[in-house]
């Protein structure tokens, strides 16, 4: 059975970026880009991502 991934849209310190939990307290922070390679926060438009960091958020 496939595990559900929770995508979080970040607003305060990482405005315009997304995060997913990777293990324990760690999450991967990334930006999304549309087909024109322009940064986007609309999930339906995102075709590529760039990983910004992997952080311990506690």
PDB file of N, CA and C in Angstrom:
ATOM      1  N   UNK A   1       0.828  -1.182   0.000  1.00  0.00           N
ATOM      2  CA  UNK A   1       0.000   0.000   0.000  1.00  0.00           C
ATOM      3  C   UNK A   1       0.875   1.250   0.000  1.00  0.00           C
ATOM      4  N   UNK A   2       0.501   2.198  -0.808  1.00  0.00           N
ATOM      5  CA  UNK A   2       1.257   3.432  -0.936  1.00  0.00           C
ATOM      6  C   UNK A   2       0.997   4.361   0.242  1.00  0.00           C
ATOM      7  N   UNK A   3       2.075   4.964   0.786  1.00  0.00           N
ATOM      8  CA  UNK A   3       1.927   5.897   1.894  1.00  0.00           C
ATOM      9  C   UNK A   3       1.567   7.276   1.349  1.00  0.00           C
ATOM     10  N   UNK A   4       0.645   7.963   1.997  1.00  0.00           N
ATOM     11  CA  UNK A   4       0.231   9.286   1.577  1.00  0.00           C
ATOM     12  C   UNK A   4       1.307  10.302   1.941  1.00  0.00           C
ATOM     13  N   UNK A   5       1.629  11.191   1.015  1.00  0.00           N
ATOM     14  CA  UNK A   5       2.616  12.244   1.237  1.00  0.00           C
ATOM     15  C   UNK A   5       1.873  13.551   1.470  1.00  0.00           C
ATOM     16  N   UNK A   6       2.218  14.239   2.531  1.00  0.00           N
ATOM     17  CA  UNK A   6       1.578  15.503   2.856  1.00  0.00           C
ATOM     18  C   UNK A   6       2.443  16.642   2.347  1.00  0.00           C
ATOM     19  N   UNK A   7       1.947  17.370   1.381  1.00  0.00           N
ATOM     20  CA  UNK A   7       2.622  18.528   0.813  1.00  0.00           C
ATOM     21  C   UNK A   7       2.175  19.764   1.577  1.00  0.00           C
ATOM     22  N   UNK A   8       3.141  20.523   2.071  1.00  0.00           N
ATOM     23  CA  UNK A   8       2.821  21.731   2.833  1.00  0.00           C
ATOM     24  C   UNK A   8       3.289  22.949   2.047  1.00  0.00           C
ATOM     25  N   UNK A   9       2.420  23.939   1.910  1.00  0.00           N
ATOM     26  CA  UNK A   9       2.798  25.201   1.300  1.00  0.00           C
ATOM     27  C   UNK A   9       3.282  26.107   2.417  1.00  0.00           C
ATOM     28  N   UNK A  10       4.524  26.572   2.325  1.00  0.00           N
ATOM     29  CA  UNK A  10       5.120  27.369   3.390  1.00  0.00           C
ATOM     30  C   UNK A  10       4.898  28.859   3.138  1.00  0.00           C
ATOM     31  N   UNK A  11       4.746  29.623   4.229  1.00  0.00           N
ATOM     32  CA  UNK A  11       4.432  31.038   4.044  1.00  0.00           C
ATOM     33  C   UNK A  11       5.309  31.994   4.835  1.00  0.00           C
ATOM     34  N   UNK A  12       5.790  31.617   5.969  1.00  0.00           N
ATOM     35  CA  UNK A  12       6.471  32.602   6.815  1.00  0.00           C
ATOM     36  C   UNK A  12       7.948  32.746   6.432  1.00  0.00           C
ATOM     37  N   UNK A  13       8.779  31.812   6.857  1.00  0.00           N
ATOM     38  CA  UNK A  13      10.218  31.915   6.595  1.00  0.00           C
ATOM     39  C   UNK A  13      10.608  31.407   5.218  1.00  0.00           C
ATOM     40  N   UNK A  14       9.753  30.627   4.589  1.00  0.00           N
ATOM     41  CA  UNK A  14      10.032  30.045   3.275  1.00  0.00           C
ATOM     42  C   UNK A  14       8.895  30.389   2.326  1.00  0.00           C
ATOM     43  N   UNK A  15       8.554  31.656   2.243  1.00  0.00           N
ATOM     44  CA  UNK A  15       7.400  32.066   1.450  1.00  0.00           C
ATOM     45  C   UNK A  15       7.540  31.612  -0.001  1.00  0.00           C
ATOM     46  N   UNK A  16       6.483  30.993  -0.519  1.00  0.00           N
ATOM     47  CA  UNK A  16       6.467  30.536  -1.901  1.00  0.00           C
ATOM     48  C   UNK A  16       7.118  29.190  -2.119  1.00  0.00           C
ATOM     49  N   UNK A  17       7.522  28.523  -1.041  1.00  0.00           N
ATOM     50  CA  UNK A  17       8.152  27.209  -1.141  1.00  0.00           C
ATOM     51  C   UNK A  17       7.229  26.145  -0.559  1.00  0.00           C
ATOM     52  N   UNK A  18       7.554  24.894  -0.853  1.00  0.00           N
ATOM     53  CA  UNK A  18       6.785  23.754  -0.374  1.00  0.00           C
ATOM     54  C   UNK A  18       7.674  22.885   0.502  1.00  0.00           C
ATOM     55  N   UNK A  19       7.048  21.993   1.281  1.00  0.00           N
ATOM     56  CA  UNK A  19       7.801  21.061   2.111  1.00  0.00           C
ATOM     57  C   UNK A  19       7.080  19.722   2.168  1.00  0.00           C
ATOM     58  N   UNK A  20       7.872  18.662   2.284  1.00  0.00           N
ATOM     59  CA  UNK A  20       7.340  17.328   2.563  1.00  0.00           C
ATOM     60  C   UNK A  20       8.191  16.728   3.674  1.00  0.00           C
ATOM     61  N   UNK A  21       7.553  15.981   4.564  1.00  0.00           N
ATOM     62  CA  UNK A  21       8.280  15.279   5.621  1.00  0.00           C
ATOM     63  C   UNK A  21       9.049  14.125   4.999  1.00  0.00           C
ATOM     64  N   UNK A  22      10.319  13.962   5.414  1.00  0.00           N
ATOM     65  CA  UNK A  22      11.106  12.844   4.891  1.00  0.00           C
ATOM     66  C   UNK A  22      11.378  11.784   5.946  1.00  0.00           C
ATOM     67  N   UNK A  23      11.508  12.182   7.211  1.00  0.00           N
ATOM     68  CA  UNK A  23      11.647  11.224   8.316  1.00  0.00           C
ATOM     69  C   UNK A  23      11.734  11.992   9.623  1.00  0.00           C
ATOM     70  N   UNK A  24      11.136  11.436  10.642  1.00  0.00           N
ATOM     71  CA  UNK A  24      11.213  12.054  11.965  1.00  0.00           C
ATOM     72  C   UNK A  24      10.906  13.531  11.919  1.00  0.00           C
ATOM     73  N   UNK A  25      11.870  14.346  12.338  1.00  0.00           N
ATOM     74  CA  UNK A  25      11.718  15.796  12.362  1.00  0.00           C
ATOM     75  C   UNK A  25      12.181  16.477  11.081  1.00  0.00           C
ATOM     76  N   UNK A  26      12.620  15.719  10.102  1.00  0.00           N
ATOM     77  CA  UNK A  26      13.207  16.317   8.904  1.00  0.00           C
ATOM     78  C   UNK A  26      12.194  16.522   7.798  1.00  0.00           C
ATOM     79  N   UNK A  27      12.344  17.652   7.107  1.00  0.00           N
ATOM     80  CA  UNK A  27      11.506  17.918   5.941  1.00  0.00           C
ATOM     81  C   UNK A  27      12.360  18.469   4.807  1.00  0.00           C
ATOM     82  N   UNK A  28      11.924  18.212   3.587  1.00  0.00           N
ATOM     83  CA  UNK A  28      12.602  18.694   2.399  1.00  0.00           C
ATOM     84  C   UNK A  28      11.864  19.942   1.919  1.00  0.00           C
ATOM     85  N   UNK A  29      12.599  21.034   1.738  1.00  0.00           N
ATOM     86  CA  UNK A  29      12.048  22.299   1.281  1.00  0.00           C
ATOM     87  C   UNK A  29      12.379  22.435  -0.209  1.00  0.00           C
ATOM     88  N   UNK A  30      11.380  22.795  -1.015  1.00  0.00           N
ATOM     89  CA  UNK A  30      11.647  22.946  -2.449  1.00  0.00           C
ATOM     90  C   UNK A  30      10.749  24.000  -3.082  1.00  0.00           C
ATOM     91  N   UNK A  31      11.182  24.458  -4.268  1.00  0.00           N
ATOM     92  CA  UNK A  31      10.412  25.389  -5.082  1.00  0.00           C
ATOM     93  C   UNK A  31       9.878  24.644  -6.286  1.00  0.00           C
ATOM     94  N   UNK A  32       8.746  25.098  -6.805  1.00  0.00           N
ATOM     95  CA  UNK A  32       8.163  24.487  -7.993  1.00  0.00           C
ATOM     96  C   UNK A  32       8.263  25.420  -9.186  1.00  0.00           C
ATOM     97  N   UNK A  33       8.428  24.827 -10.371  1.00  0.00           N
ATOM     98  CA  UNK A  33       8.552  25.603 -11.609  1.00  0.00           C
ATOM     99  C   UNK A  33       7.561  25.086 -12.645  1.00  0.00           C
ATOM    100  N   UNK A  34       7.001  26.003 -13.419  1.00  0.00           N
ATOM    101  CA  UNK A  34       6.048  25.620 -14.462  1.00  0.00           C
ATOM    102  C   UNK A  34       6.777  25.230 -15.749  1.00  0.00           C
ATOM    103  N   UNK A  35       6.018  24.959 -16.818  1.00  0.00           N
ATOM    104  CA  UNK A  35       6.612  24.493 -18.072  1.00  0.00           C
ATOM    105  C   UNK A  35       7.500  25.539 -18.738  1.00  0.00           C
ATOM    106  N   UNK A  36       7.363  26.808 -18.335  1.00  0.00           N
ATOM    107  CA  UNK A  36       8.212  27.879 -18.864  1.00  0.00           C
ATOM    108  C   UNK A  36       9.408  28.170 -17.962  1.00  0.00           C
ATOM    109  N   UNK A  37       9.639  27.296 -16.975  1.00  0.00           N
ATOM    110  CA  UNK A  37      10.723  27.425 -16.004  1.00  0.00           C
ATOM    111  C   UNK A  37      10.599  28.684 -15.143  1.00  0.00           C
ATOM    112  N   UNK A  38       9.353  29.051 -14.852  1.00  0.00           N
ATOM    113  CA  UNK A  38       9.056  30.190 -13.985  1.00  0.00           C
ATOM    114  C   UNK A  38       8.546  29.624 -12.667  1.00  0.00           C
ATOM    115  N   UNK A  39       9.029  30.190 -11.555  1.00  0.00           N
ATOM    116  CA  UNK A  39       8.615  29.702 -10.241  1.00  0.00           C
ATOM    117  C   UNK A  39       7.098  29.825 -10.098  1.00  0.00           C
ATOM    118  N   UNK A  40       6.481  28.803  -9.511  1.00  0.00           N
ATOM    119  CA  UNK A  40       5.027  28.773  -9.371  1.00  0.00           C
ATOM    120  C   UNK A  40       4.644  28.150  -8.034  1.00  0.00           C
ATOM    121  N   UNK A  41       3.527  28.622  -7.492  1.00  0.00           N
ATOM    122  CA  UNK A  41       2.981  28.024  -6.271  1.00  0.00           C
ATOM    123  C   UNK A  41       1.679  27.286  -6.575  1.00  0.00           C
ATOM    124  N   UNK A  42       1.316  27.199  -7.840  1.00  0.00           N
ATOM    125  CA  UNK A  42       0.103  26.481  -8.248  1.00  0.00           C
ATOM    126  C   UNK A  42       0.474  25.036  -8.568  1.00  0.00           C
ATOM    127  N   UNK A  43       0.043  24.113  -7.704  1.00  0.00           N
ATOM    128  CA  UNK A  43       0.438  22.705  -7.846  1.00  0.00           C
ATOM    129  C   UNK A  43       0.130  22.132  -9.220  1.00  0.00           C
ATOM    130  N   UNK A  44      -0.969  22.522  -9.816  1.00  0.00           N
ATOM    131  CA  UNK A  44      -1.362  21.982 -11.118  1.00  0.00           C
ATOM    132  C   UNK A  44      -0.416  22.416 -12.242  1.00  0.00           C
ATOM    133  N   UNK A  45       0.309  23.506 -12.051  1.00  0.00           N
ATOM    134  CA  UNK A  45       1.215  24.025 -13.076  1.00  0.00           C
ATOM    135  C   UNK A  45       2.649  23.529 -12.926  1.00  0.00           C
ATOM    136  N   UNK A  46       3.004  23.001 -11.770  1.00  0.00           N
ATOM    137  CA  UNK A  46       4.401  22.636 -11.489  1.00  0.00           C
ATOM    138  C   UNK A  46       4.781  21.360 -12.237  1.00  0.00           C
ATOM    139  N   UNK A  47       5.890  21.452 -12.992  1.00  0.00           N
ATOM    140  CA  UNK A  47       6.391  20.291 -13.735  1.00  0.00           C
ATOM    141  C   UNK A  47       7.798  19.887 -13.288  1.00  0.00           C
ATOM    142  N   UNK A  48       8.529  20.803 -12.639  1.00  0.00           N
ATOM    143  CA  UNK A  48       9.849  20.484 -12.087  1.00  0.00           C
ATOM    144  C   UNK A  48       9.987  21.152 -10.721  1.00  0.00           C
ATOM    145  N   UNK A  49      10.892  20.607  -9.901  1.00  0.00           N
ATOM    146  CA  UNK A  49      11.158  21.205  -8.593  1.00  0.00           C
ATOM    147  C   UNK A  49      12.652  21.357  -8.400  1.00  0.00           C
ATOM    148  N   UNK A  50      13.009  22.301  -7.538  1.00  0.00           N
ATOM    149  CA  UNK A  50      14.399  22.477  -7.128  1.00  0.00           C
ATOM    150  C   UNK A  50      14.440  22.360  -5.614  1.00  0.00           C
ATOM    151  N   UNK A  51      15.239  21.417  -5.129  1.00  0.00           N
ATOM    152  CA  UNK A  51      15.365  21.218  -3.680  1.00  0.00           C
ATOM    153  C   UNK A  51      16.211  22.350  -3.112  1.00  0.00           C
ATOM    154  N   UNK A  52      15.673  23.017  -2.094  1.00  0.00           N
ATOM    155  CA  UNK A  52      16.369  24.119  -1.429  1.00  0.00           C
ATOM    156  C   UNK A  52      17.192  23.597  -0.258  1.00  0.00           C
ATOM    157  N   UNK A  53      16.572  22.735   0.562  1.00  0.00           N
ATOM    158  CA  UNK A  53      17.284  22.209   1.738  1.00  0.00           C
ATOM    159  C   UNK A  53      16.504  21.049   2.339  1.00  0.00           C
ATOM    160  N   UNK A  54      17.182  20.344   3.224  1.00  0.00           N
ATOM    161  CA  UNK A  54      16.558  19.349   4.089  1.00  0.00           C
ATOM    162  C   UNK A  54      16.861  19.813   5.508  1.00  0.00           C
ATOM    163  N   UNK A  55      15.809  20.044   6.297  1.00  0.00           N
ATOM    164  CA  UNK A  55      15.973  20.693   7.602  1.00  0.00           C
ATOM    165  C   UNK A  55      15.340  19.896   8.728  1.00  0.00           C
ATOM    166  N   UNK A  56      15.925  20.063   9.915  1.00  0.00           N
ATOM    167  CA  UNK A  56      15.316  19.587  11.162  1.00  0.00           C
ATOM    168  C   UNK A  56      14.487  20.755  11.674  1.00  0.00           C
ATOM    169  N   UNK A  57      13.178  20.639  11.684  1.00  0.00           N
ATOM    170  CA  UNK A  57      12.319  21.774  12.019  1.00  0.00           C
ATOM    171  C   UNK A  57      11.864  21.790  13.459  1.00  0.00           C
ATOM    172  N   UNK A  58      12.442  20.981  14.345  1.00  0.00           N
ATOM    173  CA  UNK A  58      12.088  21.020  15.767  1.00  0.00           C
ATOM    174  C   UNK A  58      13.242  21.512  16.584  1.00  0.00           C
TER     175      UNK A  58
END
